[in-house]
Each structure stands twice: as structure tokens, then as C-alpha cells.
Full PDB file with SEQRES, HELIX, SHEET, SSBOND, CRYST1, ORIGX, SCALE, CONECT and MASTER records, all heavy atoms in Angstrom:
SEQRES   1 A   41  LEU THR GLN LEU THR THR ASP THR ALA ALA TYR ARG PRO          
SEQRES   2 A   41  SER ASP GLY PRO ARG LEU GLY THR VAL LEU THR GLU LEU          
SEQRES   3 A   41  VAL GLY ALA LEU PHE ALA HIS THR LEU GLU ALA GLY ARG          
SEQRES   4 A   41  CYS LEU                                                      
HELIX    1 AA1 THR A    2  THR A    6  1                                   5    
HELIX    2 AA2 ASP A   15  GLY A   38  1                                  24    
CRYST1    1.000    1.000    1.000  90.00  90.00  90.00 P 1           1          
ORIGX1      1.000000  0.000000  0.000000        0.00000                         
ORIGX2      0.000000  1.000000  0.000000        0.00000                         
ORIGX3      0.000000  0.000000  1.000000        0.00000                         
SCALE1      1.000000  0.000000  0.000000        0.00000                         
SCALE2      0.000000  1.000000  0.000000        0.00000                         
SCALE3      0.000000  0.000000  1.000000        0.00000                         
ATOM      1  N   LEU A   1      -6.630   1.809   9.295  1.00  0.00           N  
ATOM      2  CA  LEU A   1      -6.384   3.215   9.002  1.00  0.00           C  
ATOM      3  C   LEU A   1      -5.288   3.783   9.897  1.00  0.00           C  
ATOM      4  O   LEU A   1      -4.417   4.542   9.435  1.00  0.00           O  
ATOM      5  CB  LEU A   1      -7.682   4.006   9.186  1.00  0.00           C  
ATOM      6  CG  LEU A   1      -7.677   5.483   8.800  1.00  0.00           C  
ATOM      7  CD1 LEU A   1      -7.295   5.658   7.338  1.00  0.00           C  
ATOM      8  CD2 LEU A   1      -9.047   6.095   9.074  1.00  0.00           C  
ATOM      9  N   THR A   2      -5.290   3.408  11.167  1.00  0.00           N  
ATOM     10  CA  THR A   2      -4.285   3.909  12.105  1.00  0.00           C  
ATOM     11  C   THR A   2      -2.894   3.412  11.727  1.00  0.00           C  
ATOM     12  O   THR A   2      -1.922   4.175  11.705  1.00  0.00           O  
ATOM     13  CB  THR A   2      -4.629   3.472  13.537  1.00  0.00           C  
ATOM     14  OG1 THR A   2      -5.906   4.013  13.910  1.00  0.00           O  
ATOM     15  CG2 THR A   2      -3.577   3.977  14.520  1.00  0.00           C  
ATOM     16  N   GLN A   3      -2.782   2.124  11.433  1.00  0.00           N  
ATOM     17  CA  GLN A   3      -1.482   1.565  11.049  1.00  0.00           C  
ATOM     18  C   GLN A   3      -0.969   2.198   9.763  1.00  0.00           C  
ATOM     19  O   GLN A   3       0.213   2.530   9.632  1.00  0.00           O  
ATOM     20  CB  GLN A   3      -1.589   0.054  10.880  1.00  0.00           C  
ATOM     21  CG  GLN A   3      -0.265  -0.611  10.496  1.00  0.00           C  
ATOM     22  CD  GLN A   3      -0.388  -2.122  10.398  1.00  0.00           C  
ATOM     23  OE1 GLN A   3      -1.379  -2.698  10.799  1.00  0.00           O  
ATOM     24  NE2 GLN A   3       0.641  -2.759   9.858  1.00  0.00           N  
ATOM     25  N   LEU A   4      -1.858   2.403   8.811  1.00  0.00           N  
ATOM     26  CA  LEU A   4      -1.469   2.966   7.525  1.00  0.00           C  
ATOM     27  C   LEU A   4      -0.931   4.384   7.669  1.00  0.00           C  
ATOM     28  O   LEU A   4       0.090   4.734   7.069  1.00  0.00           O  
ATOM     29  CB  LEU A   4      -2.670   2.956   6.580  1.00  0.00           C  
ATOM     30  CG  LEU A   4      -2.476   3.632   5.219  1.00  0.00           C  
ATOM     31  CD1 LEU A   4      -1.406   2.917   4.416  1.00  0.00           C  
ATOM     32  CD2 LEU A   4      -3.803   3.661   4.454  1.00  0.00           C  
ATOM     33  N   THR A   5      -1.590   5.195   8.465  1.00  0.00           N  
ATOM     34  CA  THR A   5      -1.189   6.597   8.597  1.00  0.00           C  
ATOM     35  C   THR A   5      -0.054   6.805   9.587  1.00  0.00           C  
ATOM     36  O   THR A   5       0.547   7.875   9.620  1.00  0.00           O  
ATOM     37  CB  THR A   5      -2.390   7.458   9.033  1.00  0.00           C  
ATOM     38  OG1 THR A   5      -2.958   6.925  10.242  1.00  0.00           O  
ATOM     39  CG2 THR A   5      -3.464   7.471   7.952  1.00  0.00           C  
ATOM     40  N   THR A   6       0.251   5.793  10.392  1.00  0.00           N  
ATOM     41  CA  THR A   6       1.334   5.924  11.370  1.00  0.00           C  
ATOM     42  C   THR A   6       2.694   5.682  10.735  1.00  0.00           C  
ATOM     43  O   THR A   6       3.672   6.368  11.022  1.00  0.00           O  
ATOM     44  CB  THR A   6       1.118   4.945  12.533  1.00  0.00           C  
ATOM     45  OG1 THR A   6      -0.116   5.262  13.190  1.00  0.00           O  
ATOM     46  CG2 THR A   6       2.255   5.047  13.541  1.00  0.00           C  
ATOM     47  N   ASP A   7       2.768   4.677   9.831  1.00  0.00           N  
ATOM     48  CA  ASP A   7       4.062   4.323   9.233  1.00  0.00           C  
ATOM     49  C   ASP A   7       3.851   3.910   7.777  1.00  0.00           C  
ATOM     50  O   ASP A   7       3.250   2.869   7.492  1.00  0.00           O  
ATOM     51  CB  ASP A   7       4.693   3.175  10.022  1.00  0.00           C  
ATOM     52  CG  ASP A   7       6.069   2.797   9.476  1.00  0.00           C  
ATOM     53  OD1 ASP A   7       6.634   3.572   8.658  1.00  0.00           O  
ATOM     54  OD2 ASP A   7       6.570   1.734   9.868  1.00  0.00           O  
ATOM     55  N   THR A   8       4.353   4.716   6.857  1.00  0.00           N  
ATOM     56  CA  THR A   8       4.210   4.414   5.435  1.00  0.00           C  
ATOM     57  C   THR A   8       5.523   3.959   4.799  1.00  0.00           C  
ATOM     58  O   THR A   8       5.587   3.767   3.585  1.00  0.00           O  
ATOM     59  CB  THR A   8       3.706   5.664   4.680  1.00  0.00           C  
ATOM     60  OG1 THR A   8       4.664   6.725   4.843  1.00  0.00           O  
ATOM     61  CG2 THR A   8       2.353   6.098   5.195  1.00  0.00           C  
ATOM     62  N   ALA A   9       6.549   3.789   5.617  1.00  0.00           N  
ATOM     63  CA  ALA A   9       7.878   3.484   5.082  1.00  0.00           C  
ATOM     64  C   ALA A   9       7.908   2.184   4.282  1.00  0.00           C  
ATOM     65  O   ALA A   9       8.695   2.041   3.330  1.00  0.00           O  
ATOM     66  CB  ALA A   9       8.883   3.404   6.228  1.00  0.00           C  
ATOM     67  N   ALA A  10       7.061   1.232   4.656  1.00  0.00           N  
ATOM     68  CA  ALA A  10       7.101  -0.082   4.006  1.00  0.00           C  
ATOM     69  C   ALA A  10       6.342  -0.121   2.684  1.00  0.00           C  
ATOM     70  O   ALA A  10       6.378  -1.135   1.980  1.00  0.00           O  
ATOM     71  CB  ALA A  10       6.525  -1.140   4.948  1.00  0.00           C  
ATOM     72  N   TYR A  11       5.672   0.979   2.328  1.00  0.00           N  
ATOM     73  CA  TYR A  11       4.847   0.978   1.120  1.00  0.00           C  
ATOM     74  C   TYR A  11       5.518   1.740  -0.018  1.00  0.00           C  
ATOM     75  O   TYR A  11       6.245   2.699   0.204  1.00  0.00           O  
ATOM     76  CB  TYR A  11       3.481   1.603   1.418  1.00  0.00           C  
ATOM     77  CG  TYR A  11       2.743   0.931   2.545  1.00  0.00           C  
ATOM     78  CD1 TYR A  11       2.511   1.609   3.733  1.00  0.00           C  
ATOM     79  CD2 TYR A  11       2.302  -0.382   2.425  1.00  0.00           C  
ATOM     80  CE1 TYR A  11       1.841   0.995   4.785  1.00  0.00           C  
ATOM     81  CE2 TYR A  11       1.635  -1.005   3.471  1.00  0.00           C  
ATOM     82  CZ  TYR A  11       1.410  -0.308   4.645  1.00  0.00           C  
ATOM     83  OH  TYR A  11       0.764  -0.908   5.689  1.00  0.00           O  
ATOM     84  N   ARG A  12       5.249   1.314  -1.232  1.00  0.00           N  
ATOM     85  CA  ARG A  12       5.724   1.991  -2.427  1.00  0.00           C  
ATOM     86  C   ARG A  12       4.601   2.868  -2.980  1.00  0.00           C  
ATOM     87  O   ARG A  12       3.423   2.642  -2.703  1.00  0.00           O  
ATOM     88  CB  ARG A  12       6.137   0.967  -3.485  1.00  0.00           C  
ATOM     89  CG  ARG A  12       7.258   0.040  -3.034  1.00  0.00           C  
ATOM     90  CD  ARG A  12       7.515  -1.022  -4.079  1.00  0.00           C  
ATOM     91  NE  ARG A  12       8.586  -1.932  -3.676  1.00  0.00           N  
ATOM     92  CZ  ARG A  12       8.950  -3.006  -4.368  1.00  0.00           C  
ATOM     93  NH1 ARG A  12       8.307  -3.292  -5.502  1.00  0.00           N  
ATOM     94  NH2 ARG A  12       9.935  -3.771  -3.939  1.00  0.00           N  
ATOM     95  N   PRO A  13       4.944   3.868  -3.794  1.00  0.00           N  
ATOM     96  CA  PRO A  13       3.902   4.706  -4.391  1.00  0.00           C  
ATOM     97  C   PRO A  13       2.846   3.894  -5.143  1.00  0.00           C  
ATOM     98  O   PRO A  13       1.660   4.244  -5.126  1.00  0.00           O  
ATOM     99  CB  PRO A  13       4.690   5.620  -5.333  1.00  0.00           C  
ATOM    100  CG  PRO A  13       6.043   5.722  -4.690  1.00  0.00           C  
ATOM    101  CD  PRO A  13       6.297   4.366  -4.111  1.00  0.00           C  
ATOM    102  N   SER A  14       3.263   2.819  -5.788  1.00  0.00           N  
ATOM    103  CA  SER A  14       2.311   2.003  -6.533  1.00  0.00           C  
ATOM    104  C   SER A  14       1.331   1.258  -5.636  1.00  0.00           C  
ATOM    105  O   SER A  14       0.304   0.751  -6.108  1.00  0.00           O  
ATOM    106  CB  SER A  14       3.063   0.982  -7.405  1.00  0.00           C  
ATOM    107  OG  SER A  14       3.878   0.135  -6.606  1.00  0.00           O  
ATOM    108  N   ASP A  15       1.650   1.174  -4.336  1.00  0.00           N  
ATOM    109  CA  ASP A  15       0.747   0.503  -3.394  1.00  0.00           C  
ATOM    110  C   ASP A  15      -0.448   1.381  -3.037  1.00  0.00           C  
ATOM    111  O   ASP A  15      -1.450   0.881  -2.514  1.00  0.00           O  
ATOM    112  CB  ASP A  15       1.488   0.146  -2.098  1.00  0.00           C  
ATOM    113  CG  ASP A  15       2.506  -0.959  -2.295  1.00  0.00           C  
ATOM    114  OD1 ASP A  15       2.278  -1.827  -3.163  1.00  0.00           O  
ATOM    115  OD2 ASP A  15       3.528  -0.962  -1.580  1.00  0.00           O  
ATOM    116  N   GLY A  16      -0.335   2.704  -3.277  1.00  0.00           N  
ATOM    117  CA  GLY A  16      -1.389   3.626  -2.867  1.00  0.00           C  
ATOM    118  C   GLY A  16      -2.775   3.252  -3.363  1.00  0.00           C  
ATOM    119  O   GLY A  16      -3.707   3.082  -2.557  1.00  0.00           O  
ATOM    120  N   PRO A  17      -2.988   3.096  -4.674  1.00  0.00           N  
ATOM    121  CA  PRO A  17      -4.318   2.732  -5.166  1.00  0.00           C  
ATOM    122  C   PRO A  17      -4.827   1.401  -4.615  1.00  0.00           C  
ATOM    123  O   PRO A  17      -6.024   1.240  -4.378  1.00  0.00           O  
ATOM    124  CB  PRO A  17      -4.112   2.661  -6.689  1.00  0.00           C  
ATOM    125  CG  PRO A  17      -2.962   3.588  -6.943  1.00  0.00           C  
ATOM    126  CD  PRO A  17      -2.046   3.397  -5.769  1.00  0.00           C  
ATOM    127  N   ARG A  18      -3.910   0.439  -4.408  1.00  0.00           N  
ATOM    128  CA  ARG A  18      -4.331  -0.851  -3.850  1.00  0.00           C  
ATOM    129  C   ARG A  18      -4.838  -0.668  -2.422  1.00  0.00           C  
ATOM    130  O   ARG A  18      -5.854  -1.249  -2.031  1.00  0.00           O  
ATOM    131  CB  ARG A  18      -3.170  -1.837  -3.870  1.00  0.00           C  
ATOM    132  CG  ARG A  18      -2.577  -2.096  -5.253  1.00  0.00           C  
ATOM    133  CD  ARG A  18      -1.544  -3.202  -5.210  1.00  0.00           C  
ATOM    134  NE  ARG A  18      -0.842  -3.341  -6.486  1.00  0.00           N  
ATOM    135  CZ  ARG A  18       0.364  -2.876  -6.729  1.00  0.00           C  
ATOM    136  NH1 ARG A  18       1.041  -2.257  -5.763  1.00  0.00           N  
ATOM    137  NH2 ARG A  18       0.930  -3.033  -7.910  1.00  0.00           N  
ATOM    138  N   LEU A  19      -4.105   0.130  -1.642  1.00  0.00           N  
ATOM    139  CA  LEU A  19      -4.532   0.388  -0.271  1.00  0.00           C  
ATOM    140  C   LEU A  19      -5.851   1.151  -0.260  1.00  0.00           C  
ATOM    141  O   LEU A  19      -6.715   0.921   0.596  1.00  0.00           O  
ATOM    142  CB  LEU A  19      -3.455   1.183   0.466  1.00  0.00           C  
ATOM    143  CG  LEU A  19      -2.140   0.435   0.705  1.00  0.00           C  
ATOM    144  CD1 LEU A  19      -1.060   1.399   1.190  1.00  0.00           C  
ATOM    145  CD2 LEU A  19      -2.339  -0.686   1.719  1.00  0.00           C  
ATOM    146  N   GLY A  20      -6.023   2.069  -1.215  1.00  0.00           N  
ATOM    147  CA  GLY A  20      -7.283   2.798  -1.313  1.00  0.00           C  
ATOM    148  C   GLY A  20      -8.445   1.871  -1.601  1.00  0.00           C  
ATOM    149  O   GLY A  20      -9.551   2.047  -1.067  1.00  0.00           O  
ATOM    150  N   THR A  21      -8.205   0.858  -2.416  1.00  0.00           N  
ATOM    151  CA  THR A  21      -9.252  -0.113  -2.716  1.00  0.00           C  
ATOM    152  C   THR A  21      -9.641  -0.903  -1.475  1.00  0.00           C  
ATOM    153  O   THR A  21     -10.828  -1.150  -1.226  1.00  0.00           O  
ATOM    154  CB  THR A  21      -8.772  -1.085  -3.820  1.00  0.00           C  
ATOM    155  OG1 THR A  21      -8.504  -0.343  -5.009  1.00  0.00           O  
ATOM    156  CG2 THR A  21      -9.824  -2.141  -4.107  1.00  0.00           C  
ATOM    157  N   VAL A  22      -8.649  -1.305  -0.684  1.00  0.00           N  
ATOM    158  CA  VAL A  22      -8.925  -2.036   0.556  1.00  0.00           C  
ATOM    159  C   VAL A  22      -9.767  -1.168   1.498  1.00  0.00           C  
ATOM    160  O   VAL A  22     -10.754  -1.635   2.086  1.00  0.00           O  
ATOM    161  CB  VAL A  22      -7.616  -2.470   1.242  1.00  0.00           C  
ATOM    162  CG1 VAL A  22      -7.915  -3.084   2.614  1.00  0.00           C  
ATOM    163  CG2 VAL A  22      -6.868  -3.463   0.374  1.00  0.00           C  
ATOM    164  N   LEU A  23      -9.371   0.089   1.644  1.00  0.00           N  
ATOM    165  CA  LEU A  23     -10.121   0.988   2.528  1.00  0.00           C  
ATOM    166  C   LEU A  23     -11.548   1.190   2.027  1.00  0.00           C  
ATOM    167  O   LEU A  23     -12.501   1.233   2.826  1.00  0.00           O  
ATOM    168  CB  LEU A  23      -9.407   2.334   2.632  1.00  0.00           C  
ATOM    169  CG  LEU A  23      -8.174   2.359   3.538  1.00  0.00           C  
ATOM    170  CD1 LEU A  23      -7.400   3.661   3.357  1.00  0.00           C  
ATOM    171  CD2 LEU A  23      -8.581   2.192   5.004  1.00  0.00           C  
ATOM    172  N   THR A  24     -11.723   1.317   0.735  1.00  0.00           N  
ATOM    173  CA  THR A  24     -13.064   1.487   0.176  1.00  0.00           C  
ATOM    174  C   THR A  24     -13.937   0.276   0.485  1.00  0.00           C  
ATOM    175  O   THR A  24     -15.114   0.417   0.853  1.00  0.00           O  
ATOM    176  CB  THR A  24     -12.984   1.695  -1.347  1.00  0.00           C  
ATOM    177  OG1 THR A  24     -12.219   2.871  -1.621  1.00  0.00           O  
ATOM    178  CG2 THR A  24     -14.373   1.857  -1.942  1.00  0.00           C  
ATOM    179  N   GLU A  25     -13.373  -0.918   0.370  1.00  0.00           N  
ATOM    180  CA  GLU A  25     -14.138  -2.132   0.673  1.00  0.00           C  
ATOM    181  C   GLU A  25     -14.495  -2.200   2.155  1.00  0.00           C  
ATOM    182  O   GLU A  25     -15.612  -2.612   2.516  1.00  0.00           O  
ATOM    183  CB  GLU A  25     -13.328  -3.355   0.263  1.00  0.00           C  
ATOM    184  CG  GLU A  25     -13.175  -3.482  -1.258  1.00  0.00           C  
ATOM    185  CD  GLU A  25     -12.285  -4.632  -1.659  1.00  0.00           C  
ATOM    186  OE1 GLU A  25     -11.640  -5.223  -0.761  1.00  0.00           O  
ATOM    187  OE2 GLU A  25     -12.241  -4.938  -2.864  1.00  0.00           O  
ATOM    188  N   LEU A  26     -13.573  -1.768   3.015  1.00  0.00           N  
ATOM    189  CA  LEU A  26     -13.865  -1.759   4.447  1.00  0.00           C  
ATOM    190  C   LEU A  26     -14.965  -0.745   4.774  1.00  0.00           C  
ATOM    191  O   LEU A  26     -15.837  -1.009   5.608  1.00  0.00           O  
ATOM    192  CB  LEU A  26     -12.595  -1.441   5.239  1.00  0.00           C  
ATOM    193  CG  LEU A  26     -11.543  -2.542   5.316  1.00  0.00           C  
ATOM    194  CD1 LEU A  26     -10.282  -2.017   6.005  1.00  0.00           C  
ATOM    195  CD2 LEU A  26     -12.089  -3.749   6.066  1.00  0.00           C  
ATOM    196  N   VAL A  27     -14.924   0.413   4.127  1.00  0.00           N  
ATOM    197  CA  VAL A  27     -15.965   1.419   4.346  1.00  0.00           C  
ATOM    198  C   VAL A  27     -17.318   0.897   3.878  1.00  0.00           C  
ATOM    199  O   VAL A  27     -18.336   1.050   4.557  1.00  0.00           O  
ATOM    200  CB  VAL A  27     -15.609   2.736   3.628  1.00  0.00           C  
ATOM    201  CG1 VAL A  27     -16.799   3.695   3.632  1.00  0.00           C  
ATOM    202  CG2 VAL A  27     -14.411   3.388   4.300  1.00  0.00           C  
ATOM    203  N   GLY A  28     -17.350   0.258   2.714  1.00  0.00           N  
ATOM    204  CA  GLY A  28     -18.595  -0.313   2.223  1.00  0.00           C  
ATOM    205  C   GLY A  28     -19.151  -1.360   3.165  1.00  0.00           C  
ATOM    206  O   GLY A  28     -20.363  -1.410   3.427  1.00  0.00           O  
ATOM    207  N   ALA A  29     -18.270  -2.198   3.725  1.00  0.00           N  
ATOM    208  CA  ALA A  29     -18.706  -3.215   4.681  1.00  0.00           C  
ATOM    209  C   ALA A  29     -19.227  -2.581   5.964  1.00  0.00           C  
ATOM    210  O   ALA A  29     -20.226  -3.035   6.538  1.00  0.00           O  
ATOM    211  CB  ALA A  29     -17.551  -4.167   4.993  1.00  0.00           C  
ATOM    212  N   LEU A  30     -18.571  -1.514   6.412  1.00  0.00           N  
ATOM    213  CA  LEU A  30     -19.018  -0.816   7.616  1.00  0.00           C  
ATOM    214  C   LEU A  30     -20.391  -0.194   7.392  1.00  0.00           C  
ATOM    215  O   LEU A  30     -21.280  -0.283   8.253  1.00  0.00           O  
ATOM    216  CB  LEU A  30     -18.009   0.263   8.000  1.00  0.00           C  
ATOM    217  CG  LEU A  30     -18.407   1.167   9.168  1.00  0.00           C  
ATOM    218  CD1 LEU A  30     -18.493   0.359  10.463  1.00  0.00           C  
ATOM    219  CD2 LEU A  30     -17.408   2.313   9.327  1.00  0.00           C  
ATOM    220  N   PHE A  31     -20.589   0.441   6.243  1.00  0.00           N  
ATOM    221  CA  PHE A  31     -21.889   1.040   5.927  1.00  0.00           C  
ATOM    222  C   PHE A  31     -22.989  -0.022   5.916  1.00  0.00           C  
ATOM    223  O   PHE A  31     -24.076   0.182   6.454  1.00  0.00           O  
ATOM    224  CB  PHE A  31     -21.829   1.742   4.583  1.00  0.00           C  
ATOM    225  CG  PHE A  31     -21.100   3.054   4.596  1.00  0.00           C  
ATOM    226  CD1 PHE A  31     -20.470   3.514   5.738  1.00  0.00           C  
ATOM    227  CD2 PHE A  31     -21.038   3.838   3.457  1.00  0.00           C  
ATOM    228  CE1 PHE A  31     -19.789   4.722   5.755  1.00  0.00           C  
ATOM    229  CE2 PHE A  31     -20.368   5.050   3.457  1.00  0.00           C  
ATOM    230  CZ  PHE A  31     -19.738   5.496   4.604  1.00  0.00           C  
ATOM    231  N   ALA A  32     -22.701  -1.147   5.274  1.00  0.00           N  
ATOM    232  CA  ALA A  32     -23.697  -2.220   5.196  1.00  0.00           C  
ATOM    233  C   ALA A  32     -24.055  -2.730   6.582  1.00  0.00           C  
ATOM    234  O   ALA A  32     -25.233  -2.938   6.905  1.00  0.00           O  
ATOM    235  CB  ALA A  32     -23.165  -3.365   4.336  1.00  0.00           C  
ATOM    236  N   HIS A  33     -23.045  -2.913   7.420  1.00  0.00           N  
ATOM    237  CA  HIS A  33     -23.275  -3.383   8.782  1.00  0.00           C  
ATOM    238  C   HIS A  33     -24.136  -2.384   9.561  1.00  0.00           C  
ATOM    239  O   HIS A  33     -25.077  -2.766  10.262  1.00  0.00           O  
ATOM    240  CB  HIS A  33     -21.936  -3.591   9.491  1.00  0.00           C  
ATOM    241  CG  HIS A  33     -22.066  -3.978  10.930  1.00  0.00           C  
ATOM    242  ND1 HIS A  33     -22.324  -5.265  11.335  1.00  0.00           N  
ATOM    243  CD2 HIS A  33     -21.997  -3.231  12.070  1.00  0.00           C  
ATOM    244  CE1 HIS A  33     -22.396  -5.305  12.652  1.00  0.00           C  
ATOM    245  NE2 HIS A  33     -22.203  -4.091  13.127  1.00  0.00           N  
ATOM    246  N   THR A  34     -23.818  -1.101   9.419  1.00  0.00           N  
ATOM    247  CA  THR A  34     -24.559  -0.063  10.131  1.00  0.00           C  
ATOM    248  C   THR A  34     -26.009   0.002   9.670  1.00  0.00           C  
ATOM    249  O   THR A  34     -26.932   0.108  10.490  1.00  0.00           O  
ATOM    250  CB  THR A  34     -23.891   1.314   9.919  1.00  0.00           C  
ATOM    251  OG1 THR A  34     -22.536   1.244  10.362  1.00  0.00           O  
ATOM    252  CG2 THR A  34     -24.611   2.404  10.689  1.00  0.00           C  
ATOM    253  N   LEU A  35     -26.231  -0.083   8.384  1.00  0.00           N  
ATOM    254  CA  LEU A  35     -27.595  -0.006   7.857  1.00  0.00           C  
ATOM    255  C   LEU A  35     -28.398  -1.244   8.214  1.00  0.00           C  
ATOM    256  O   LEU A  35     -29.590  -1.153   8.531  1.00  0.00           O  
ATOM    257  CB  LEU A  35     -27.554   0.178   6.343  1.00  0.00           C  
ATOM    258  CG  LEU A  35     -27.043   1.539   5.872  1.00  0.00           C  
ATOM    259  CD1 LEU A  35     -26.798   1.525   4.370  1.00  0.00           C  
ATOM    260  CD2 LEU A  35     -28.028   2.645   6.242  1.00  0.00           C  
ATOM    261  N   GLU A  36     -27.774  -2.405   8.201  1.00  0.00           N  
ATOM    262  CA  GLU A  36     -28.477  -3.634   8.583  1.00  0.00           C  
ATOM    263  C   GLU A  36     -28.894  -3.591  10.038  1.00  0.00           C  
ATOM    264  O   GLU A  36     -29.932  -4.134  10.417  1.00  0.00           O  
ATOM    265  CB  GLU A  36     -27.584  -4.843   8.340  1.00  0.00           C  
ATOM    266  CG  GLU A  36     -27.413  -5.182   6.861  1.00  0.00           C  
ATOM    267  CD  GLU A  36     -26.338  -6.232   6.636  1.00  0.00           C  
ATOM    268  OE1 GLU A  36     -25.719  -6.676   7.631  1.00  0.00           O  
ATOM    269  OE2 GLU A  36     -26.118  -6.580   5.472  1.00  0.00           O  
ATOM    270  N   ALA A  37     -28.111  -2.886  10.859  1.00  0.00           N  
ATOM    271  CA  ALA A  37     -28.422  -2.809  12.285  1.00  0.00           C  
ATOM    272  C   ALA A  37     -29.566  -1.854  12.566  1.00  0.00           C  
ATOM    273  O   ALA A  37     -30.275  -1.999  13.562  1.00  0.00           O  
ATOM    274  CB  ALA A  37     -27.187  -2.374  13.071  1.00  0.00           C  
ATOM    275  N   GLY A  38     -29.758  -0.825  11.724  1.00  0.00           N  
ATOM    276  CA  GLY A  38     -30.751   0.184  12.077  1.00  0.00           C  
ATOM    277  C   GLY A  38     -31.781   0.535  11.048  1.00  0.00           C  
ATOM    278  O   GLY A  38     -32.738   1.236  11.352  1.00  0.00           O  
ATOM    279  N   ARG A  39     -31.672   0.046   9.821  1.00  0.00           N  
ATOM    280  CA  ARG A  39     -32.545   0.545   8.756  1.00  0.00           C  
ATOM    281  C   ARG A  39     -33.989   0.079   8.894  1.00  0.00           C  
ATOM    282  O   ARG A  39     -34.904   0.683   8.334  1.00  0.00           O  
ATOM    283  CB  ARG A  39     -32.016   0.123   7.393  1.00  0.00           C  
ATOM    284  CG  ARG A  39     -32.043  -1.355   7.127  1.00  0.00           C  
ATOM    285  CD  ARG A  39     -31.508  -1.680   5.739  1.00  0.00           C  
ATOM    286  NE  ARG A  39     -32.312  -1.055   4.703  1.00  0.00           N  
ATOM    287  CZ  ARG A  39     -32.044  -1.147   3.408  1.00  0.00           C  
ATOM    288  NH1 ARG A  39     -30.981  -1.810   3.011  1.00  0.00           N  
ATOM    289  NH2 ARG A  39     -32.822  -0.576   2.514  1.00  0.00           N  
ATOM    290  N   CYS A  40     -34.239  -1.004   9.643  1.00  0.00           N  
ATOM    291  CA  CYS A  40     -35.598  -1.519   9.746  1.00  0.00           C  
ATOM    292  C   CYS A  40     -36.389  -0.870  10.875  1.00  0.00           C  
ATOM    293  O   CYS A  40     -37.551  -1.203  11.092  1.00  0.00           O  
ATOM    294  CB  CYS A  40     -35.569  -3.041   9.960  1.00  0.00           C  
ATOM    295  SG  CYS A  40     -34.842  -3.934   8.566  1.00  0.00           S  
ATOM    296  N   LEU A  41     -35.773  -0.007  11.620  1.00  0.00           N  
ATOM    297  CA  LEU A  41     -36.455   0.627  12.736  1.00  0.00           C  
ATOM    298  C   LEU A  41     -37.132   1.923  12.304  1.00  0.00           C  
ATOM    299  O   LEU A  41     -36.459   2.850  11.872  1.00  0.00           O  
ATOM    300  CB  LEU A  41     -35.460   0.938  13.865  1.00  0.00           C  
ATOM    301  CG  LEU A  41     -34.814  -0.257  14.566  1.00  0.00           C  
ATOM    302  CD1 LEU A  41     -33.841   0.238  15.617  1.00  0.00           C  
ATOM    303  CD2 LEU A  41     -35.864  -1.141  15.200  1.00  0.00           C  
TER     304      LEU A  41                                                      
MASTER        0    0    0    2    0    0    0    6  303    1    0    4          
END                                                                             
């Protein structure tokens, strides 16, 4: 997220949805990790 928001010069407008998909997958993985760590308590 930091790299993406710091410099966007290398990306094209068509890359936006693809990058959004990557971020969504990372968020889903983070949520799963967080819930696996604490949901059984």
C-alpha cells in the first residue's frame, strides 16, 4: 500500500482494477490471519 500510494508513475489507468484486486486479496488474507489468531478465545 505504501509503495502504491507513493509513486504511481509506472502504472497505467488500466492497471487500477488489477491493483485493487491484489489489495482485496491481501486484505482477505489479513482478516483470515487475524481471525485464526483470536476467534477461538
